[in-house]
N, C-alpha and C. Protein backbone atom coordinates (compact mmCIF):
# COMPACT_ATOMS: atom_id res chain seq x y z
N MET A 1 15.53 23.60 44.90
CA MET A 1 16.95 23.51 44.66
C MET A 1 17.25 22.12 44.13
N HIS A 2 18.20 22.05 43.23
CA HIS A 2 18.54 20.77 42.62
C HIS A 2 20.05 20.69 42.48
N PRO A 3 20.62 19.51 42.62
CA PRO A 3 22.07 19.38 42.58
C PRO A 3 22.64 19.56 41.16
N VAL A 4 22.68 20.78 40.69
CA VAL A 4 23.31 21.12 39.42
C VAL A 4 24.39 22.14 39.72
N GLU A 5 25.19 22.47 38.72
CA GLU A 5 26.23 23.46 38.94
C GLU A 5 25.63 24.74 39.49
N GLY A 6 26.33 25.37 40.43
CA GLY A 6 25.86 26.63 40.99
C GLY A 6 25.19 26.43 42.32
N ASP A 7 24.78 27.53 42.88
CA ASP A 7 24.26 27.54 44.24
C ASP A 7 22.82 27.04 44.33
N HIS A 8 21.94 27.55 43.46
CA HIS A 8 20.53 27.14 43.51
C HIS A 8 19.84 27.52 42.20
N THR A 9 18.66 26.99 42.01
CA THR A 9 17.81 27.33 40.87
C THR A 9 16.48 27.81 41.42
N GLU A 10 16.05 28.98 40.99
CA GLU A 10 14.76 29.50 41.43
C GLU A 10 13.66 28.79 40.66
N THR A 11 12.76 28.17 41.40
CA THR A 11 11.69 27.38 40.79
C THR A 11 10.38 27.62 41.53
N ILE A 12 9.34 27.06 40.98
CA ILE A 12 8.07 26.99 41.69
C ILE A 12 7.67 25.53 41.76
N GLN A 13 6.90 25.19 42.75
CA GLN A 13 6.34 23.85 42.84
C GLN A 13 4.83 24.00 42.75
N LEU A 14 4.24 23.31 41.80
CA LEU A 14 2.80 23.40 41.58
C LEU A 14 2.08 22.23 42.20
N GLU A 15 0.99 22.52 42.85
CA GLU A 15 0.04 21.49 43.24
C GLU A 15 -1.16 21.69 42.34
N TYR A 16 -1.60 20.64 41.71
CA TYR A 16 -2.71 20.77 40.77
C TYR A 16 -3.64 19.57 40.89
N ASP A 17 -4.86 19.77 40.42
CA ASP A 17 -5.85 18.71 40.41
C ASP A 17 -5.97 18.20 38.99
N PRO A 18 -5.52 16.97 38.72
CA PRO A 18 -5.57 16.45 37.35
C PRO A 18 -6.99 16.30 36.80
N LYS A 19 -8.00 16.42 37.65
CA LYS A 19 -9.39 16.43 37.17
C LYS A 19 -9.71 17.77 36.52
N ILE A 20 -8.94 18.80 36.87
CA ILE A 20 -9.16 20.15 36.34
C ILE A 20 -8.20 20.48 35.22
N ILE A 21 -6.93 20.14 35.39
CA ILE A 21 -5.92 20.40 34.37
C ILE A 21 -4.91 19.25 34.38
N SER A 22 -4.53 18.82 33.21
CA SER A 22 -3.60 17.69 33.12
C SER A 22 -2.15 18.17 33.21
N TYR A 23 -1.27 17.25 33.51
CA TYR A 23 0.17 17.56 33.52
C TYR A 23 0.61 18.04 32.14
N GLU A 24 0.08 17.42 31.10
CA GLU A 24 0.42 17.82 29.74
C GLU A 24 -0.02 19.25 29.44
N GLU A 25 -1.19 19.64 29.96
CA GLU A 25 -1.65 21.03 29.77
C GLU A 25 -0.74 22.00 30.53
N LEU A 26 -0.28 21.61 31.71
CA LEU A 26 0.66 22.45 32.44
C LEU A 26 1.97 22.61 31.66
N LEU A 27 2.44 21.53 31.08
CA LEU A 27 3.66 21.60 30.26
C LEU A 27 3.46 22.52 29.06
N ALA A 28 2.31 22.43 28.41
CA ALA A 28 2.03 23.31 27.26
C ALA A 28 2.07 24.77 27.69
N LYS A 29 1.51 25.07 28.83
CA LYS A 29 1.54 26.45 29.35
C LYS A 29 2.97 26.86 29.68
N PHE A 30 3.74 25.96 30.27
CA PHE A 30 5.14 26.24 30.62
C PHE A 30 5.91 26.77 29.42
N TRP A 31 5.74 26.14 28.26
CA TRP A 31 6.51 26.54 27.08
C TRP A 31 6.13 27.93 26.59
N THR A 32 4.91 28.37 26.88
CA THR A 32 4.47 29.68 26.39
C THR A 32 4.87 30.83 27.31
N LEU A 33 5.32 30.52 28.52
CA LEU A 33 5.57 31.57 29.51
C LEU A 33 7.02 32.07 29.55
N HIS A 34 7.87 31.52 28.72
CA HIS A 34 9.27 31.95 28.71
C HIS A 34 9.93 31.52 27.41
N ASN A 35 11.17 31.94 27.23
CA ASN A 35 11.92 31.54 26.05
C ASN A 35 12.82 30.37 26.43
N PRO A 36 12.45 29.15 26.05
CA PRO A 36 13.23 27.98 26.45
C PRO A 36 14.54 27.81 25.68
N THR A 37 14.81 28.71 24.72
CA THR A 37 16.06 28.64 23.96
C THR A 37 17.11 29.60 24.50
N SER A 38 16.77 30.35 25.51
CA SER A 38 17.67 31.34 26.07
C SER A 38 18.51 30.72 27.19
N LYS A 39 19.82 30.67 26.98
CA LYS A 39 20.73 30.10 27.98
C LYS A 39 20.90 31.11 29.11
N ARG A 40 20.68 30.65 30.33
CA ARG A 40 20.77 31.51 31.51
C ARG A 40 21.63 30.82 32.57
N SER A 41 21.95 31.59 33.59
CA SER A 41 22.69 31.01 34.71
C SER A 41 21.83 29.94 35.37
N ASN A 42 22.45 29.11 36.18
CA ASN A 42 21.70 28.06 36.88
C ASN A 42 20.60 28.64 37.75
N GLN A 43 20.80 29.84 38.27
CA GLN A 43 19.78 30.44 39.13
C GLN A 43 18.47 30.65 38.37
N TYR A 44 18.55 31.01 37.09
CA TYR A 44 17.35 31.34 36.32
C TYR A 44 17.13 30.42 35.12
N MET A 45 17.75 29.25 35.14
CA MET A 45 17.64 28.36 33.98
C MET A 45 16.21 27.85 33.80
N SER A 46 15.92 27.46 32.58
CA SER A 46 14.64 26.84 32.25
C SER A 46 14.74 25.37 32.63
N ALA A 47 13.85 24.92 33.49
CA ALA A 47 13.92 23.55 33.99
C ALA A 47 12.53 22.99 34.27
N ILE A 48 12.43 21.69 34.08
CA ILE A 48 11.24 20.93 34.47
C ILE A 48 11.72 19.86 35.44
N PHE A 49 11.09 19.79 36.58
CA PHE A 49 11.43 18.76 37.58
C PHE A 49 10.24 17.82 37.69
N TYR A 50 10.47 16.55 37.44
CA TYR A 50 9.39 15.57 37.43
C TYR A 50 9.42 14.72 38.70
N HIS A 51 8.26 14.12 39.01
CA HIS A 51 8.11 13.33 40.23
C HIS A 51 8.00 11.83 39.98
N ASP A 52 7.75 11.44 38.75
CA ASP A 52 7.64 10.01 38.46
C ASP A 52 7.93 9.76 36.98
N ASP A 53 7.99 8.49 36.60
CA ASP A 53 8.33 8.13 35.22
C ASP A 53 7.32 8.68 34.21
N LYS A 54 6.06 8.69 34.58
CA LYS A 54 5.02 9.20 33.68
C LYS A 54 5.25 10.69 33.39
N GLN A 55 5.54 11.47 34.42
CA GLN A 55 5.83 12.90 34.22
C GLN A 55 7.12 13.07 33.41
N HIS A 56 8.12 12.25 33.68
CA HIS A 56 9.38 12.34 32.96
C HIS A 56 9.16 12.14 31.46
N GLU A 57 8.42 11.10 31.11
CA GLU A 57 8.15 10.82 29.70
C GLU A 57 7.32 11.93 29.07
N ALA A 58 6.34 12.43 29.79
CA ALA A 58 5.51 13.52 29.27
C ALA A 58 6.35 14.78 29.04
N ALA A 59 7.26 15.08 29.96
CA ALA A 59 8.13 16.25 29.82
C ALA A 59 9.03 16.11 28.59
N LYS A 60 9.61 14.92 28.39
CA LYS A 60 10.48 14.69 27.23
C LYS A 60 9.69 14.82 25.92
N ARG A 61 8.48 14.24 25.89
CA ARG A 61 7.64 14.35 24.68
C ARG A 61 7.28 15.80 24.40
N SER A 62 6.90 16.50 25.46
CA SER A 62 6.51 17.90 25.33
C SER A 62 7.67 18.74 24.79
N MET A 63 8.87 18.50 25.30
CA MET A 63 10.03 19.26 24.84
C MET A 63 10.35 18.92 23.38
N ALA A 64 10.24 17.67 23.02
CA ALA A 64 10.50 17.27 21.63
C ALA A 64 9.49 17.93 20.69
N ASP A 65 8.23 17.97 21.10
CA ASP A 65 7.20 18.63 20.28
C ASP A 65 7.48 20.13 20.15
N ARG A 66 7.87 20.73 21.25
CA ARG A 66 8.16 22.17 21.24
C ARG A 66 9.39 22.48 20.38
N GLN A 67 10.38 21.57 20.43
CA GLN A 67 11.60 21.78 19.64
C GLN A 67 11.29 21.87 18.16
N LYS A 68 10.29 21.12 17.70
CA LYS A 68 9.91 21.15 16.28
C LYS A 68 9.44 22.53 15.85
N GLN A 69 8.91 23.33 16.80
CA GLN A 69 8.40 24.67 16.50
C GLN A 69 9.45 25.75 16.71
N ALA A 70 10.53 25.43 17.42
CA ALA A 70 11.52 26.44 17.78
C ALA A 70 12.56 26.61 16.67
N SER A 71 13.01 27.83 16.50
CA SER A 71 14.04 28.10 15.49
C SER A 71 15.45 27.86 16.04
N ARG A 72 15.59 27.80 17.37
CA ARG A 72 16.89 27.53 18.01
C ARG A 72 16.73 26.34 18.94
N LYS A 73 17.86 25.81 19.37
CA LYS A 73 17.86 24.64 20.26
C LYS A 73 17.29 25.01 21.63
N ILE A 74 16.39 24.20 22.12
CA ILE A 74 15.84 24.39 23.48
C ILE A 74 16.90 23.95 24.47
N VAL A 75 17.13 24.78 25.49
CA VAL A 75 18.14 24.49 26.51
C VAL A 75 17.53 24.11 27.85
N THR A 76 16.23 23.94 27.89
CA THR A 76 15.54 23.51 29.10
C THR A 76 16.11 22.18 29.57
N VAL A 77 16.32 22.06 30.88
CA VAL A 77 16.77 20.79 31.44
C VAL A 77 15.59 20.08 32.09
N ILE A 78 15.63 18.77 32.08
CA ILE A 78 14.60 17.96 32.71
C ILE A 78 15.30 17.08 33.74
N HIS A 79 14.94 17.28 35.02
CA HIS A 79 15.57 16.55 36.12
C HIS A 79 14.51 15.96 37.04
N SER A 80 14.89 14.93 37.72
CA SER A 80 14.06 14.38 38.78
C SER A 80 13.95 15.42 39.90
N ALA A 81 12.76 15.57 40.43
CA ALA A 81 12.56 16.53 41.52
C ALA A 81 13.22 16.00 42.78
N GLY A 82 14.04 16.82 43.36
CA GLY A 82 14.62 16.49 44.66
C GLY A 82 13.80 17.18 45.73
N HIS A 83 14.43 17.43 46.85
CA HIS A 83 13.75 18.16 47.92
C HIS A 83 13.51 19.58 47.46
N PHE A 84 12.31 20.10 47.72
CA PHE A 84 11.97 21.47 47.35
C PHE A 84 12.13 22.36 48.57
N TYR A 85 12.89 23.42 48.41
CA TYR A 85 13.12 24.38 49.50
C TYR A 85 12.35 25.65 49.21
N LEU A 86 11.53 26.08 50.17
CA LEU A 86 10.83 27.35 50.02
C LEU A 86 11.81 28.51 50.10
N ALA A 87 11.54 29.55 49.34
CA ALA A 87 12.32 30.78 49.46
C ALA A 87 11.98 31.44 50.79
N GLU A 88 12.78 32.41 51.17
CA GLU A 88 12.51 33.15 52.39
C GLU A 88 11.12 33.79 52.29
N ASP A 89 10.50 34.01 53.44
CA ASP A 89 9.13 34.54 53.47
C ASP A 89 8.98 35.81 52.64
N TYR A 90 9.94 36.72 52.72
CA TYR A 90 9.79 38.00 52.03
C TYR A 90 9.78 37.85 50.50
N HIS A 91 10.21 36.69 50.00
CA HIS A 91 10.12 36.43 48.57
C HIS A 91 8.77 35.83 48.18
N GLN A 92 8.05 35.28 49.14
CA GLN A 92 6.79 34.59 48.87
C GLN A 92 5.68 35.59 48.55
N LYS A 93 4.93 35.31 47.49
CA LYS A 93 3.80 36.14 47.07
C LYS A 93 4.23 37.60 46.97
N TYR A 94 5.33 37.80 46.28
CA TYR A 94 6.00 39.10 46.23
C TYR A 94 5.08 40.21 45.73
N LEU A 95 4.33 39.96 44.66
CA LEU A 95 3.48 41.01 44.10
C LEU A 95 2.36 41.39 45.08
N PHE A 96 1.80 40.40 45.74
CA PHE A 96 0.78 40.67 46.76
C PHE A 96 1.37 41.55 47.86
N ARG A 97 2.56 41.23 48.33
CA ARG A 97 3.19 41.96 49.43
C ARG A 97 3.46 43.42 49.08
N GLN A 98 3.55 43.73 47.79
CA GLN A 98 3.81 45.11 47.39
C GLN A 98 2.57 45.99 47.54
N ASN A 99 1.41 45.37 47.69
CA ASN A 99 0.17 46.13 47.85
C ASN A 99 -0.17 46.17 49.34
N ARG A 100 0.27 47.22 49.99
CA ARG A 100 0.11 47.34 51.45
C ARG A 100 -1.35 47.33 51.88
N ASP A 101 -2.24 47.89 51.05
CA ASP A 101 -3.66 47.90 51.42
C ASP A 101 -4.21 46.48 51.51
N LEU A 102 -3.85 45.62 50.57
CA LEU A 102 -4.30 44.23 50.62
C LEU A 102 -3.72 43.51 51.83
N VAL A 103 -2.43 43.72 52.06
CA VAL A 103 -1.77 43.08 53.21
C VAL A 103 -2.45 43.51 54.51
N GLN A 104 -2.72 44.80 54.65
CA GLN A 104 -3.35 45.30 55.88
C GLN A 104 -4.77 44.79 56.03
N LEU A 105 -5.50 44.69 54.94
CA LEU A 105 -6.88 44.22 55.01
C LEU A 105 -6.95 42.78 55.52
N LEU A 106 -6.08 41.93 55.03
CA LEU A 106 -6.17 40.51 55.38
C LEU A 106 -5.45 40.15 56.67
N LYS A 107 -4.50 40.96 57.09
CA LYS A 107 -3.80 40.76 58.38
C LYS A 107 -3.33 39.31 58.57
N LEU A 108 -2.56 38.82 57.62
CA LEU A 108 -2.08 37.45 57.66
C LEU A 108 -0.63 37.39 58.14
N SER A 109 -0.28 36.31 58.79
CA SER A 109 1.11 36.07 59.17
C SER A 109 1.90 35.71 57.91
N ASP A 110 3.23 35.75 58.02
CA ASP A 110 4.06 35.34 56.88
C ASP A 110 3.73 33.92 56.45
N GLN A 111 3.55 33.01 57.40
CA GLN A 111 3.24 31.62 57.06
C GLN A 111 1.87 31.52 56.37
N ASP A 112 0.90 32.30 56.82
CA ASP A 112 -0.41 32.29 56.18
C ASP A 112 -0.32 32.83 54.75
N ILE A 113 0.52 33.84 54.54
CA ILE A 113 0.70 34.38 53.19
C ILE A 113 1.26 33.30 52.28
N VAL A 114 2.22 32.55 52.76
CA VAL A 114 2.85 31.49 51.96
C VAL A 114 1.83 30.42 51.58
N SER A 115 0.96 30.03 52.51
CA SER A 115 0.09 28.88 52.29
C SER A 115 -1.34 29.22 51.84
N SER A 116 -1.70 30.49 51.81
CA SER A 116 -3.07 30.88 51.52
C SER A 116 -3.44 30.77 50.04
N PRO A 117 -4.48 29.99 49.71
CA PRO A 117 -4.96 29.96 48.32
C PRO A 117 -5.47 31.33 47.87
N LEU A 118 -6.06 32.09 48.79
CA LEU A 118 -6.55 33.43 48.44
C LEU A 118 -5.39 34.33 48.05
N VAL A 119 -4.32 34.31 48.84
CA VAL A 119 -3.18 35.17 48.53
C VAL A 119 -2.53 34.74 47.21
N ALA A 120 -2.53 33.45 46.91
CA ALA A 120 -2.01 33.00 45.62
C ALA A 120 -2.82 33.63 44.48
N LYS A 121 -4.14 33.66 44.63
CA LYS A 121 -5.00 34.28 43.62
C LYS A 121 -4.79 35.79 43.57
N LEU A 122 -4.68 36.42 44.73
CA LEU A 122 -4.45 37.87 44.76
C LEU A 122 -3.09 38.22 44.15
N ASN A 123 -2.11 37.39 44.38
CA ASN A 123 -0.80 37.60 43.76
C ASN A 123 -0.94 37.56 42.23
N ALA A 124 -1.78 36.64 41.73
CA ALA A 124 -2.03 36.57 40.29
C ALA A 124 -2.74 37.83 39.79
N VAL A 125 -3.68 38.35 40.56
CA VAL A 125 -4.36 39.59 40.19
C VAL A 125 -3.34 40.73 40.15
N CYS A 126 -2.50 40.80 41.17
CA CYS A 126 -1.49 41.86 41.23
C CYS A 126 -0.52 41.79 40.05
N GLY A 127 -0.28 40.62 39.53
CA GLY A 127 0.61 40.45 38.39
C GLY A 127 -0.11 40.48 37.06
N ASN A 128 -1.42 40.79 37.08
CA ASN A 128 -2.24 40.83 35.87
C ASN A 128 -2.33 39.47 35.16
N TYR A 129 -2.25 38.40 35.94
CA TYR A 129 -2.44 37.06 35.39
C TYR A 129 -3.88 36.59 35.59
N MET A 130 -4.64 37.35 36.36
CA MET A 130 -6.04 37.03 36.66
C MET A 130 -6.75 38.38 36.87
N THR A 131 -7.98 38.46 36.43
CA THR A 131 -8.74 39.70 36.65
C THR A 131 -9.49 39.63 37.98
N ALA A 132 -9.90 40.79 38.45
CA ALA A 132 -10.70 40.84 39.68
C ALA A 132 -12.01 40.09 39.48
N ASP A 133 -12.59 40.15 38.28
CA ASP A 133 -13.83 39.43 37.99
C ASP A 133 -13.61 37.91 38.06
N GLU A 134 -12.47 37.46 37.55
CA GLU A 134 -12.16 36.03 37.64
C GLU A 134 -11.96 35.62 39.10
N LEU A 135 -11.33 36.49 39.87
CA LEU A 135 -11.15 36.21 41.29
C LEU A 135 -12.50 36.13 41.99
N ARG A 136 -13.39 37.05 41.69
CA ARG A 136 -14.72 37.03 42.31
C ARG A 136 -15.43 35.73 42.00
N ALA A 137 -15.39 35.30 40.75
CA ALA A 137 -16.04 34.04 40.35
C ALA A 137 -15.41 32.85 41.10
N THR A 138 -14.10 32.88 41.26
CA THR A 138 -13.41 31.81 41.98
C THR A 138 -13.82 31.78 43.44
N ILE A 139 -13.87 32.95 44.05
CA ILE A 139 -14.27 33.03 45.46
C ILE A 139 -15.72 32.59 45.62
N ASP A 140 -16.59 33.06 44.73
CA ASP A 140 -18.01 32.70 44.82
C ASP A 140 -18.24 31.20 44.67
N SER A 141 -17.43 30.55 43.82
CA SER A 141 -17.64 29.11 43.60
C SER A 141 -16.88 28.24 44.60
N ASN A 142 -16.01 28.85 45.40
CA ASN A 142 -15.21 28.10 46.38
C ASN A 142 -15.21 28.81 47.73
N SER A 143 -16.35 29.27 48.17
CA SER A 143 -16.41 30.11 49.38
C SER A 143 -15.81 29.42 50.62
N LYS A 144 -15.99 28.11 50.74
CA LYS A 144 -15.44 27.41 51.91
C LYS A 144 -13.91 27.40 51.90
N LEU A 145 -13.33 27.31 50.71
CA LEU A 145 -11.88 27.30 50.60
C LEU A 145 -11.28 28.63 51.07
N PHE A 146 -11.93 29.72 50.71
CA PHE A 146 -11.37 31.04 51.01
C PHE A 146 -11.80 31.58 52.36
N ASN A 147 -12.93 31.12 52.88
CA ASN A 147 -13.37 31.45 54.23
C ASN A 147 -13.33 32.94 54.55
N LEU A 148 -13.92 33.75 53.66
CA LEU A 148 -13.97 35.20 53.87
C LEU A 148 -15.36 35.61 54.31
N SER A 149 -15.41 36.52 55.24
CA SER A 149 -16.71 37.08 55.61
C SER A 149 -17.20 37.95 54.45
N SER A 150 -18.49 38.18 54.39
CA SER A 150 -19.03 39.03 53.32
C SER A 150 -18.47 40.45 53.44
N ASN A 151 -18.26 40.91 54.67
CA ASN A 151 -17.70 42.24 54.89
C ASN A 151 -16.27 42.34 54.32
N THR A 152 -15.45 41.34 54.60
CA THR A 152 -14.07 41.34 54.08
C THR A 152 -14.07 41.21 52.56
N THR A 153 -14.96 40.37 52.03
CA THR A 153 -15.06 40.21 50.58
C THR A 153 -15.43 41.54 49.93
N ASP A 154 -16.41 42.24 50.51
CA ASP A 154 -16.81 43.54 49.96
C ASP A 154 -15.66 44.54 50.01
N LYS A 155 -14.94 44.58 51.13
CA LYS A 155 -13.80 45.50 51.26
C LYS A 155 -12.71 45.14 50.25
N LEU A 156 -12.48 43.85 50.07
CA LEU A 156 -11.46 43.39 49.14
C LEU A 156 -11.77 43.86 47.72
N PHE A 157 -13.00 43.67 47.27
CA PHE A 157 -13.34 44.04 45.90
C PHE A 157 -13.50 45.54 45.73
N THR A 158 -13.86 46.25 46.78
CA THR A 158 -13.84 47.71 46.71
C THR A 158 -12.40 48.19 46.52
N LEU A 159 -11.50 47.61 47.27
CA LEU A 159 -10.09 47.95 47.15
C LEU A 159 -9.56 47.62 45.75
N LEU A 160 -9.88 46.44 45.24
CA LEU A 160 -9.43 46.07 43.90
C LEU A 160 -10.03 46.97 42.83
N LYS A 161 -11.29 47.35 43.00
CA LYS A 161 -11.94 48.24 42.04
C LYS A 161 -11.26 49.61 42.06
N ASN A 162 -10.99 50.13 43.26
CA ASN A 162 -10.36 51.45 43.39
C ASN A 162 -8.95 51.46 42.81
N GLU A 163 -8.31 50.30 42.82
CA GLU A 163 -6.94 50.23 42.32
C GLU A 163 -6.85 49.62 40.94
N SER A 164 -7.99 49.43 40.27
CA SER A 164 -7.97 48.76 38.97
C SER A 164 -7.19 49.57 37.93
N SER A 165 -7.10 50.87 38.12
CA SER A 165 -6.32 51.68 37.19
C SER A 165 -4.84 51.66 37.55
N HIS A 166 -4.54 51.11 38.73
CA HIS A 166 -3.16 51.03 39.19
C HIS A 166 -2.44 49.91 38.47
N SER A 167 -1.24 50.15 38.03
CA SER A 167 -0.44 49.12 37.37
C SER A 167 0.35 48.36 38.40
N TRP A 168 -0.26 47.48 39.11
CA TRP A 168 0.32 46.69 40.20
C TRP A 168 1.80 46.65 40.04
């Protein structure tokens, strides 16, 4: 939430490792995921919230570069990040929560769903932003992070395979 006109703005807060992806690369991806020239209500506006002067300058440069490619004026706002408020639990990892089989398999609390790196990845799979094969590679290369037993991993991928024809 940010002190702009209206009640609130729906946003996400990213934690990233700059050794893996730069802030500038995240900004480049941001511009491709929506139409920054479309004027919307404050709830759904296009916005970048920065945490320091370096991010602020990068965001302004990125927007100026993107504007050169756009046929209409970009309406994205760039603001200093204030306090970030999490949405209610039932809004968290929404796509994952729609798959009852996955939810039942992992038996996680609402708080665990919100904070779980695995659920973040499964939410991406459910939204077709990541494939099951990419998830498997991620789990295999980061087994300590995900802390899954081999039995649960097998059940998870059997479930994903059985539902691969399902349009999450």
